[in-house]
Full PDB file with SEQRES, HELIX, SHEET, SSBOND, CRYST1, ORIGX, SCALE, CONECT and MASTER records, all heavy atoms in Angstrom:
SEQRES   1 A   34  LEU HIS LEU ALA MET GLY PRO TRP ASN HIS GLY GLY GLU          
SEQRES   2 A   34  ILE GLY ASP GLY SER SER LEU GLY PRO LEU LYS PHE SER          
SEQRES   3 A   34  GLN ASP THR GLY LEU GLN PHE ARG                              
HELIX    1 AA1 GLY A   12  ILE A   14  5                                   3    
HELIX    2 AA2 THR A   29  PHE A   33  1                                   5    
SHEET    1 AA1 2 SER A  19  LEU A  20  0                                        
SHEET    2 AA1 2 LEU A  23  LYS A  24 -1                                        
CRYST1    1.000    1.000    1.000  90.00  90.00  90.00 P 1           1          
ORIGX1      1.000000  0.000000  0.000000        0.00000                         
ORIGX2      0.000000  1.000000  0.000000        0.00000                         
ORIGX3      0.000000  0.000000  1.000000        0.00000                         
SCALE1      1.000000  0.000000  0.000000        0.00000                         
SCALE2      0.000000  1.000000  0.000000        0.00000                         
SCALE3      0.000000  0.000000  1.000000        0.00000                         
ATOM      1  N   LEU A   1     -18.164  12.613 -12.440  1.00  0.00           N  
ATOM      2  CA  LEU A   1     -17.970  13.876 -11.721  1.00  0.00           C  
ATOM      3  C   LEU A   1     -16.744  13.847 -10.854  1.00  0.00           C  
ATOM      4  O   LEU A   1     -16.586  12.842 -10.041  1.00  0.00           O  
ATOM      5  CB  LEU A   1     -19.218  14.162 -10.935  1.00  0.00           C  
ATOM      6  CG  LEU A   1     -19.307  15.508 -10.237  1.00  0.00           C  
ATOM      7  CD1 LEU A   1     -19.337  16.642 -11.260  1.00  0.00           C  
ATOM      8  CD2 LEU A   1     -20.505  15.589  -9.303  1.00  0.00           C  
ATOM      9  N   HIS A   2     -15.942  14.829 -10.945  1.00  0.00           N  
ATOM     10  CA  HIS A   2     -14.779  15.011 -10.012  1.00  0.00           C  
ATOM     11  C   HIS A   2     -14.828  16.382  -9.393  1.00  0.00           C  
ATOM     12  O   HIS A   2     -15.394  17.285  -9.955  1.00  0.00           O  
ATOM     13  CB  HIS A   2     -13.451  14.808 -10.812  1.00  0.00           C  
ATOM     14  CG  HIS A   2     -13.260  13.457 -11.402  1.00  0.00           C  
ATOM     15  ND1 HIS A   2     -12.552  12.473 -10.745  1.00  0.00           N  
ATOM     16  CD2 HIS A   2     -13.700  12.873 -12.512  1.00  0.00           C  
ATOM     17  CE1 HIS A   2     -12.532  11.359 -11.508  1.00  0.00           C  
ATOM     18  NE2 HIS A   2     -13.248  11.589 -12.525  1.00  0.00           N  
ATOM     19  N   LEU A   3     -14.155  16.475  -8.290  1.00  0.00           N  
ATOM     20  CA  LEU A   3     -14.084  17.754  -7.529  1.00  0.00           C  
ATOM     21  C   LEU A   3     -12.637  18.010  -7.153  1.00  0.00           C  
ATOM     22  O   LEU A   3     -11.935  17.097  -6.643  1.00  0.00           O  
ATOM     23  CB  LEU A   3     -14.945  17.688  -6.313  1.00  0.00           C  
ATOM     24  CG  LEU A   3     -14.862  18.889  -5.345  1.00  0.00           C  
ATOM     25  CD1 LEU A   3     -15.400  20.138  -5.932  1.00  0.00           C  
ATOM     26  CD2 LEU A   3     -15.600  18.551  -4.031  1.00  0.00           C  
ATOM     27  N   ALA A   4     -12.139  19.235  -7.435  1.00  0.00           N  
ATOM     28  CA  ALA A   4     -10.830  19.695  -6.934  1.00  0.00           C  
ATOM     29  C   ALA A   4     -11.068  20.914  -6.130  1.00  0.00           C  
ATOM     30  O   ALA A   4     -11.782  21.823  -6.593  1.00  0.00           O  
ATOM     31  CB  ALA A   4      -9.876  19.887  -8.125  1.00  0.00           C  
ATOM     32  N   MET A   5     -10.372  21.031  -4.999  1.00  0.00           N  
ATOM     33  CA  MET A   5     -10.424  22.265  -4.269  1.00  0.00           C  
ATOM     34  C   MET A   5      -9.025  22.586  -3.723  1.00  0.00           C  
ATOM     35  O   MET A   5      -8.235  21.692  -3.393  1.00  0.00           O  
ATOM     36  CB  MET A   5     -11.434  22.157  -3.076  1.00  0.00           C  
ATOM     37  CG  MET A   5     -11.017  21.165  -1.980  1.00  0.00           C  
ATOM     38  SD  MET A   5     -12.210  21.232  -0.620  1.00  0.00           S  
ATOM     39  CE  MET A   5     -13.668  20.392  -1.355  1.00  0.00           C  
ATOM     40  N   GLY A   6      -8.705  23.914  -3.757  1.00  0.00           N  
ATOM     41  CA  GLY A   6      -7.388  24.300  -3.347  1.00  0.00           C  
ATOM     42  C   GLY A   6      -7.425  25.600  -2.574  1.00  0.00           C  
ATOM     43  O   GLY A   6      -8.506  26.215  -2.488  1.00  0.00           O  
ATOM     44  N   PRO A   7      -6.280  26.061  -2.035  1.00  0.00           N  
ATOM     45  CA  PRO A   7      -6.217  27.188  -1.190  1.00  0.00           C  
ATOM     46  C   PRO A   7      -6.077  28.500  -1.979  1.00  0.00           C  
ATOM     47  O   PRO A   7      -5.117  29.299  -1.772  1.00  0.00           O  
ATOM     48  CB  PRO A   7      -4.960  26.966  -0.391  1.00  0.00           C  
ATOM     49  CG  PRO A   7      -4.041  26.284  -1.376  1.00  0.00           C  
ATOM     50  CD  PRO A   7      -4.902  25.424  -2.200  1.00  0.00           C  
ATOM     51  N   TRP A   8      -7.056  28.737  -2.867  1.00  0.00           N  
ATOM     52  CA  TRP A   8      -6.917  29.830  -3.842  1.00  0.00           C  
ATOM     53  C   TRP A   8      -8.006  30.902  -3.502  1.00  0.00           C  
ATOM     54  O   TRP A   8      -9.005  30.621  -2.880  1.00  0.00           O  
ATOM     55  CB  TRP A   8      -7.100  29.280  -5.240  1.00  0.00           C  
ATOM     56  CG  TRP A   8      -6.258  28.130  -5.554  1.00  0.00           C  
ATOM     57  CD1 TRP A   8      -4.861  28.039  -5.450  1.00  0.00           C  
ATOM     58  CD2 TRP A   8      -6.730  26.842  -6.033  1.00  0.00           C  
ATOM     59  NE1 TRP A   8      -4.480  26.773  -5.863  1.00  0.00           N  
ATOM     60  CE2 TRP A   8      -5.512  26.034  -6.199  1.00  0.00           C  
ATOM     61  CE3 TRP A   8      -7.899  26.261  -6.336  1.00  0.00           C  
ATOM     62  CZ2 TRP A   8      -5.585  24.686  -6.643  1.00  0.00           C  
ATOM     63  CZ3 TRP A   8      -8.016  24.987  -6.804  1.00  0.00           C  
ATOM     64  CH2 TRP A   8      -6.826  24.183  -6.957  1.00  0.00           C  
ATOM     65  N   ASN A   9      -7.761  31.995  -4.134  1.00  0.00           N  
ATOM     66  CA  ASN A   9      -8.817  33.018  -4.205  1.00  0.00           C  
ATOM     67  C   ASN A   9      -9.685  32.767  -5.400  1.00  0.00           C  
ATOM     68  O   ASN A   9      -9.515  31.657  -6.052  1.00  0.00           O  
ATOM     69  CB  ASN A   9      -8.258  34.421  -4.191  1.00  0.00           C  
ATOM     70  CG  ASN A   9      -7.315  34.693  -5.332  1.00  0.00           C  
ATOM     71  OD1 ASN A   9      -7.247  33.929  -6.310  1.00  0.00           O  
ATOM     72  ND2 ASN A   9      -6.567  35.797  -5.225  1.00  0.00           N  
ATOM     73  N   HIS A  10     -10.537  33.659  -5.821  1.00  0.00           N  
ATOM     74  CA  HIS A  10     -11.379  33.500  -6.964  1.00  0.00           C  
ATOM     75  C   HIS A  10     -10.567  33.399  -8.235  1.00  0.00           C  
ATOM     76  O   HIS A  10      -9.996  34.396  -8.687  1.00  0.00           O  
ATOM     77  CB  HIS A  10     -12.327  34.655  -7.014  1.00  0.00           C  
ATOM     78  CG  HIS A  10     -13.461  34.531  -8.030  1.00  0.00           C  
ATOM     79  ND1 HIS A  10     -14.445  33.595  -7.927  1.00  0.00           N  
ATOM     80  CD2 HIS A  10     -13.761  35.275  -9.126  1.00  0.00           C  
ATOM     81  CE1 HIS A  10     -15.301  33.755  -8.944  1.00  0.00           C  
ATOM     82  NE2 HIS A  10     -14.897  34.734  -9.656  1.00  0.00           N  
ATOM     83  N   GLY A  11     -10.463  32.217  -8.871  1.00  0.00           N  
ATOM     84  CA  GLY A  11      -9.683  32.003 -10.073  1.00  0.00           C  
ATOM     85  C   GLY A  11      -8.224  31.848  -9.842  1.00  0.00           C  
ATOM     86  O   GLY A  11      -7.410  31.765 -10.784  1.00  0.00           O  
ATOM     87  N   GLY A  12      -7.840  31.704  -8.573  1.00  0.00           N  
ATOM     88  CA  GLY A  12      -6.383  31.619  -8.260  1.00  0.00           C  
ATOM     89  C   GLY A  12      -5.723  30.293  -8.796  1.00  0.00           C  
ATOM     90  O   GLY A  12      -4.519  30.255  -8.900  1.00  0.00           O  
ATOM     91  N   GLU A  13      -6.576  29.310  -9.210  1.00  0.00           N  
ATOM     92  CA  GLU A  13      -5.984  28.045  -9.652  1.00  0.00           C  
ATOM     93  C   GLU A  13      -5.261  28.188 -10.999  1.00  0.00           C  
ATOM     94  O   GLU A  13      -4.502  27.328 -11.354  1.00  0.00           O  
ATOM     95  CB  GLU A  13      -7.074  27.010  -9.802  1.00  0.00           C  
ATOM     96  CG  GLU A  13      -8.210  27.319 -10.732  1.00  0.00           C  
ATOM     97  CD  GLU A  13      -9.327  28.113 -10.082  1.00  0.00           C  
ATOM     98  OE1 GLU A  13      -9.102  28.823  -9.080  1.00  0.00           O  
ATOM     99  OE2 GLU A  13     -10.488  27.978 -10.505  1.00  0.00           O  
ATOM    100  N   ILE A  14      -5.429  29.281 -11.732  1.00  0.00           N  
ATOM    101  CA  ILE A  14      -4.750  29.428 -13.039  1.00  0.00           C  
ATOM    102  C   ILE A  14      -3.484  30.269 -12.876  1.00  0.00           C  
ATOM    103  O   ILE A  14      -2.818  30.511 -13.883  1.00  0.00           O  
ATOM    104  CB  ILE A  14      -5.658  30.022 -14.147  1.00  0.00           C  
ATOM    105  CG1 ILE A  14      -5.962  31.504 -13.790  1.00  0.00           C  
ATOM    106  CG2 ILE A  14      -6.910  29.268 -14.261  1.00  0.00           C  
ATOM    107  CD1 ILE A  14      -6.679  32.251 -14.930  1.00  0.00           C  
ATOM    108  N   GLY A  15      -3.157  30.637 -11.625  1.00  0.00           N  
ATOM    109  CA  GLY A  15      -1.922  31.454 -11.410  1.00  0.00           C  
ATOM    110  C   GLY A  15      -1.005  30.781 -10.469  1.00  0.00           C  
ATOM    111  O   GLY A  15      -1.025  29.542 -10.257  1.00  0.00           O  
ATOM    112  N   ASP A  16      -0.194  31.573  -9.874  1.00  0.00           N  
ATOM    113  CA  ASP A  16       0.846  31.108  -8.892  1.00  0.00           C  
ATOM    114  C   ASP A  16       0.101  30.803  -7.601  1.00  0.00           C  
ATOM    115  O   ASP A  16      -0.410  31.756  -6.959  1.00  0.00           O  
ATOM    116  CB  ASP A  16       1.916  32.148  -8.679  1.00  0.00           C  
ATOM    117  CG  ASP A  16       3.055  31.602  -7.811  1.00  0.00           C  
ATOM    118  OD1 ASP A  16       2.806  30.712  -6.959  1.00  0.00           O  
ATOM    119  OD2 ASP A  16       4.161  32.147  -7.877  1.00  0.00           O  
ATOM    120  N   GLY A  17       0.118  29.594  -7.119  1.00  0.00           N  
ATOM    121  CA  GLY A  17      -0.599  29.236  -5.896  1.00  0.00           C  
ATOM    122  C   GLY A  17       0.317  28.907  -4.786  1.00  0.00           C  
ATOM    123  O   GLY A  17       0.040  28.104  -3.861  1.00  0.00           O  
ATOM    124  N   SER A  18       1.474  29.634  -4.753  1.00  0.00           N  
ATOM    125  CA  SER A  18       2.426  29.389  -3.642  1.00  0.00           C  
ATOM    126  C   SER A  18       2.024  30.053  -2.345  1.00  0.00           C  
ATOM    127  O   SER A  18       2.438  29.626  -1.243  1.00  0.00           O  
ATOM    128  CB  SER A  18       3.811  29.934  -4.074  1.00  0.00           C  
ATOM    129  OG  SER A  18       4.265  29.334  -5.233  1.00  0.00           O  
ATOM    130  N   SER A  19       1.249  31.115  -2.405  1.00  0.00           N  
ATOM    131  CA  SER A  19       0.838  31.832  -1.223  1.00  0.00           C  
ATOM    132  C   SER A  19      -0.451  32.577  -1.499  1.00  0.00           C  
ATOM    133  O   SER A  19      -0.851  32.736  -2.677  1.00  0.00           O  
ATOM    134  CB  SER A  19       1.947  32.828  -0.771  1.00  0.00           C  
ATOM    135  OG  SER A  19       2.134  33.815  -1.824  1.00  0.00           O  
ATOM    136  N   LEU A  20      -1.075  33.098  -0.442  1.00  0.00           N  
ATOM    137  CA  LEU A  20      -2.223  33.947  -0.558  1.00  0.00           C  
ATOM    138  C   LEU A  20      -2.289  34.840   0.651  1.00  0.00           C  
ATOM    139  O   LEU A  20      -2.358  34.443   1.776  1.00  0.00           O  
ATOM    140  CB  LEU A  20      -3.589  33.121  -0.649  1.00  0.00           C  
ATOM    141  CG  LEU A  20      -4.834  33.948  -0.804  1.00  0.00           C  
ATOM    142  CD1 LEU A  20      -4.828  34.642  -2.163  1.00  0.00           C  
ATOM    143  CD2 LEU A  20      -6.074  33.048  -0.745  1.00  0.00           C  
ATOM    144  N   GLY A  21      -2.194  36.163   0.397  1.00  0.00           N  
ATOM    145  CA  GLY A  21      -2.046  37.085   1.524  1.00  0.00           C  
ATOM    146  C   GLY A  21      -0.860  36.684   2.366  1.00  0.00           C  
ATOM    147  O   GLY A  21       0.234  36.467   1.880  1.00  0.00           O  
ATOM    148  N   PRO A  22      -1.064  36.500   3.741  1.00  0.00           N  
ATOM    149  CA  PRO A  22       0.061  36.130   4.533  1.00  0.00           C  
ATOM    150  C   PRO A  22       0.310  34.616   4.599  1.00  0.00           C  
ATOM    151  O   PRO A  22       1.264  34.164   5.207  1.00  0.00           O  
ATOM    152  CB  PRO A  22      -0.434  36.592   5.940  1.00  0.00           C  
ATOM    153  CG  PRO A  22      -1.987  36.449   5.847  1.00  0.00           C  
ATOM    154  CD  PRO A  22      -2.292  36.768   4.463  1.00  0.00           C  
ATOM    155  N   LEU A  23      -0.536  33.794   3.967  1.00  0.00           N  
ATOM    156  CA  LEU A  23      -0.379  32.358   4.033  1.00  0.00           C  
ATOM    157  C   LEU A  23       0.603  31.838   3.019  1.00  0.00           C  
ATOM    158  O   LEU A  23       0.533  32.217   1.821  1.00  0.00           O  
ATOM    159  CB  LEU A  23      -1.724  31.702   3.808  1.00  0.00           C  
ATOM    160  CG  LEU A  23      -2.928  32.111   4.673  1.00  0.00           C  
ATOM    161  CD1 LEU A  23      -4.139  31.298   4.399  1.00  0.00           C  
ATOM    162  CD2 LEU A  23      -2.545  31.940   6.172  1.00  0.00           C  
ATOM    163  N   LYS A  24       1.499  31.017   3.429  1.00  0.00           N  
ATOM    164  CA  LYS A  24       2.470  30.401   2.592  1.00  0.00           C  
ATOM    165  C   LYS A  24       2.296  28.855   2.515  1.00  0.00           C  
ATOM    166  O   LYS A  24       2.173  28.295   3.594  1.00  0.00           O  
ATOM    167  CB  LYS A  24       3.905  30.781   3.043  1.00  0.00           C  
ATOM    168  CG  LYS A  24       4.175  32.289   3.123  1.00  0.00           C  
ATOM    169  CD  LYS A  24       5.593  32.609   3.546  1.00  0.00           C  
ATOM    170  CE  LYS A  24       5.793  34.095   3.726  1.00  0.00           C  
ATOM    171  NZ  LYS A  24       5.573  34.886   2.556  1.00  0.00           N  
ATOM    172  N   PHE A  25       2.259  28.317   1.331  1.00  0.00           N  
ATOM    173  CA  PHE A  25       1.855  26.869   1.187  1.00  0.00           C  
ATOM    174  C   PHE A  25       3.072  26.010   0.891  1.00  0.00           C  
ATOM    175  O   PHE A  25       2.893  24.789   0.776  1.00  0.00           O  
ATOM    176  CB  PHE A  25       0.804  26.732   0.161  1.00  0.00           C  
ATOM    177  CG  PHE A  25      -0.359  27.568   0.378  1.00  0.00           C  
ATOM    178  CD1 PHE A  25      -0.822  28.498  -0.548  1.00  0.00           C  
ATOM    179  CD2 PHE A  25      -1.078  27.530   1.585  1.00  0.00           C  
ATOM    180  CE1 PHE A  25      -1.959  29.344  -0.346  1.00  0.00           C  
ATOM    181  CE2 PHE A  25      -2.185  28.330   1.791  1.00  0.00           C  
ATOM    182  CZ  PHE A  25      -2.579  29.245   0.860  1.00  0.00           C  
ATOM    183  N   SER A  26       4.256  26.548   0.775  1.00  0.00           N  
ATOM    184  CA  SER A  26       5.491  25.803   0.494  1.00  0.00           C  
ATOM    185  C   SER A  26       5.465  25.000  -0.777  1.00  0.00           C  
ATOM    186  O   SER A  26       6.176  24.010  -0.941  1.00  0.00           O  
ATOM    187  CB  SER A  26       5.804  24.865   1.711  1.00  0.00           C  
ATOM    188  OG  SER A  26       5.845  25.519   2.943  1.00  0.00           O  
ATOM    189  N   GLN A  27       4.619  25.381  -1.730  1.00  0.00           N  
ATOM    190  CA  GLN A  27       4.469  24.695  -3.009  1.00  0.00           C  
ATOM    191  C   GLN A  27       3.585  25.570  -3.877  1.00  0.00           C  
ATOM    192  O   GLN A  27       2.755  26.290  -3.373  1.00  0.00           O  
ATOM    193  CB  GLN A  27       3.899  23.297  -2.841  1.00  0.00           C  
ATOM    194  CG  GLN A  27       2.547  23.320  -2.054  1.00  0.00           C  
ATOM    195  CD  GLN A  27       2.174  22.006  -1.470  1.00  0.00           C  
ATOM    196  OE1 GLN A  27       1.935  21.003  -2.147  1.00  0.00           O  
ATOM    197  NE2 GLN A  27       2.177  21.928  -0.138  1.00  0.00           N  
ATOM    198  N   ASP A  28       3.732  25.394  -5.176  1.00  0.00           N  
ATOM    199  CA  ASP A  28       2.834  26.093  -6.113  1.00  0.00           C  
ATOM    200  C   ASP A  28       1.592  25.271  -6.340  1.00  0.00           C  
ATOM    201  O   ASP A  28       1.569  24.367  -7.207  1.00  0.00           O  
ATOM    202  CB  ASP A  28       3.539  26.422  -7.384  1.00  0.00           C  
ATOM    203  CG  ASP A  28       2.745  27.275  -8.301  1.00  0.00           C  
ATOM    204  OD1 ASP A  28       1.499  27.375  -8.167  1.00  0.00           O  
ATOM    205  OD2 ASP A  28       3.303  27.821  -9.315  1.00  0.00           O  
ATOM    206  N   THR A  29       0.586  25.443  -5.497  1.00  0.00           N  
ATOM    207  CA  THR A  29      -0.629  24.608  -5.550  1.00  0.00           C  
ATOM    208  C   THR A  29      -1.402  24.793  -6.872  1.00  0.00           C  
ATOM    209  O   THR A  29      -2.092  23.863  -7.299  1.00  0.00           O  
ATOM    210  CB  THR A  29      -1.527  24.967  -4.369  1.00  0.00           C  
ATOM    211  OG1 THR A  29      -1.967  26.350  -4.415  1.00  0.00           O  
ATOM    212  CG2 THR A  29      -0.804  24.742  -3.053  1.00  0.00           C  
ATOM    213  N   GLY A  30      -1.305  26.026  -7.460  1.00  0.00           N  
ATOM    214  CA  GLY A  30      -1.977  26.229  -8.735  1.00  0.00           C  
ATOM    215  C   GLY A  30      -1.355  25.365  -9.816  1.00  0.00           C  
ATOM    216  O   GLY A  30      -2.023  24.719 -10.618  1.00  0.00           O  
ATOM    217  N   LEU A  31       0.001  25.393  -9.913  1.00  0.00           N  
ATOM    218  CA  LEU A  31       0.714  24.593 -10.868  1.00  0.00           C  
ATOM    219  C   LEU A  31       0.467  23.125 -10.680  1.00  0.00           C  
ATOM    220  O   LEU A  31       0.289  22.365 -11.603  1.00  0.00           O  
ATOM    221  CB  LEU A  31       2.171  24.893 -10.849  1.00  0.00           C  
ATOM    222  CG  LEU A  31       3.080  24.157 -11.776  1.00  0.00           C  
ATOM    223  CD1 LEU A  31       2.759  24.564 -13.213  1.00  0.00           C  
ATOM    224  CD2 LEU A  31       4.568  24.474 -11.500  1.00  0.00           C  
ATOM    225  N   GLN A  32       0.474  22.686  -9.411  1.00  0.00           N  
ATOM    226  CA  GLN A  32       0.266  21.287  -9.133  1.00  0.00           C  
ATOM    227  C   GLN A  32      -1.154  20.816  -9.593  1.00  0.00           C  
ATOM    228  O   GLN A  32      -1.371  19.746 -10.153  1.00  0.00           O  
ATOM    229  CB  GLN A  32       0.393  21.009  -7.636  1.00  0.00           C  
ATOM    230  CG  GLN A  32       1.848  21.107  -7.181  1.00  0.00           C  
ATOM    231  CD  GLN A  32       1.959  21.114  -5.640  1.00  0.00           C  
ATOM    232  OE1 GLN A  32       1.004  21.417  -4.949  1.00  0.00           O  
ATOM    233  NE2 GLN A  32       3.146  20.828  -5.172  1.00  0.00           N  
ATOM    234  N   PHE A  33      -2.117  21.699  -9.304  1.00  0.00           N  
ATOM    235  CA  PHE A  33      -3.528  21.388  -9.859  1.00  0.00           C  
ATOM    236  C   PHE A  33      -3.545  21.245 -11.340  1.00  0.00           C  
ATOM    237  O   PHE A  33      -4.095  20.302 -11.928  1.00  0.00           O  
ATOM    238  CB  PHE A  33      -4.485  22.469  -9.403  1.00  0.00           C  
ATOM    239  CG  PHE A  33      -5.776  22.519 -10.199  1.00  0.00           C  
ATOM    240  CD1 PHE A  33      -6.730  21.546 -10.057  1.00  0.00           C  
ATOM    241  CD2 PHE A  33      -5.971  23.520 -11.101  1.00  0.00           C  
ATOM    242  CE1 PHE A  33      -7.866  21.599 -10.854  1.00  0.00           C  
ATOM    243  CE2 PHE A  33      -7.117  23.585 -11.884  1.00  0.00           C  
ATOM    244  CZ  PHE A  33      -8.112  22.632 -11.697  1.00  0.00           C  
ATOM    245  N   ARG A  34      -2.919  22.186 -12.048  1.00  0.00           N  
ATOM    246  CA  ARG A  34      -2.978  22.225 -13.524  1.00  0.00           C  
ATOM    247  C   ARG A  34      -2.252  21.002 -14.081  1.00  0.00           C  
ATOM    248  O   ARG A  34      -2.716  20.370 -15.041  1.00  0.00           O  
ATOM    249  CB  ARG A  34      -2.393  23.489 -14.053  1.00  0.00           C  
ATOM    250  CG  ARG A  34      -3.176  24.710 -13.648  1.00  0.00           C  
ATOM    251  CD  ARG A  34      -2.838  25.970 -14.491  1.00  0.00           C  
ATOM    252  NE  ARG A  34      -1.372  26.310 -14.342  1.00  0.00           N  
ATOM    253  CZ  ARG A  34      -0.935  27.094 -13.368  1.00  0.00           C  
ATOM    254  NH1 ARG A  34      -1.673  27.532 -12.373  1.00  0.00           N  
ATOM    255  NH2 ARG A  34       0.380  27.376 -13.340  1.00  0.00           N  
TER     256      ARG A  34                                                      
MASTER        0    0    0    2    2    0    0    6  255    1    0    3          
END                                                                             
């Protein structure tokens, strides 16, 4: 069993994870996860 968690909305891990609303993460967290 493994667990991954990221700063995404519902299903956001399959898209662009660079930001969410006003939050900017300075990296594409979705792409990094994938």
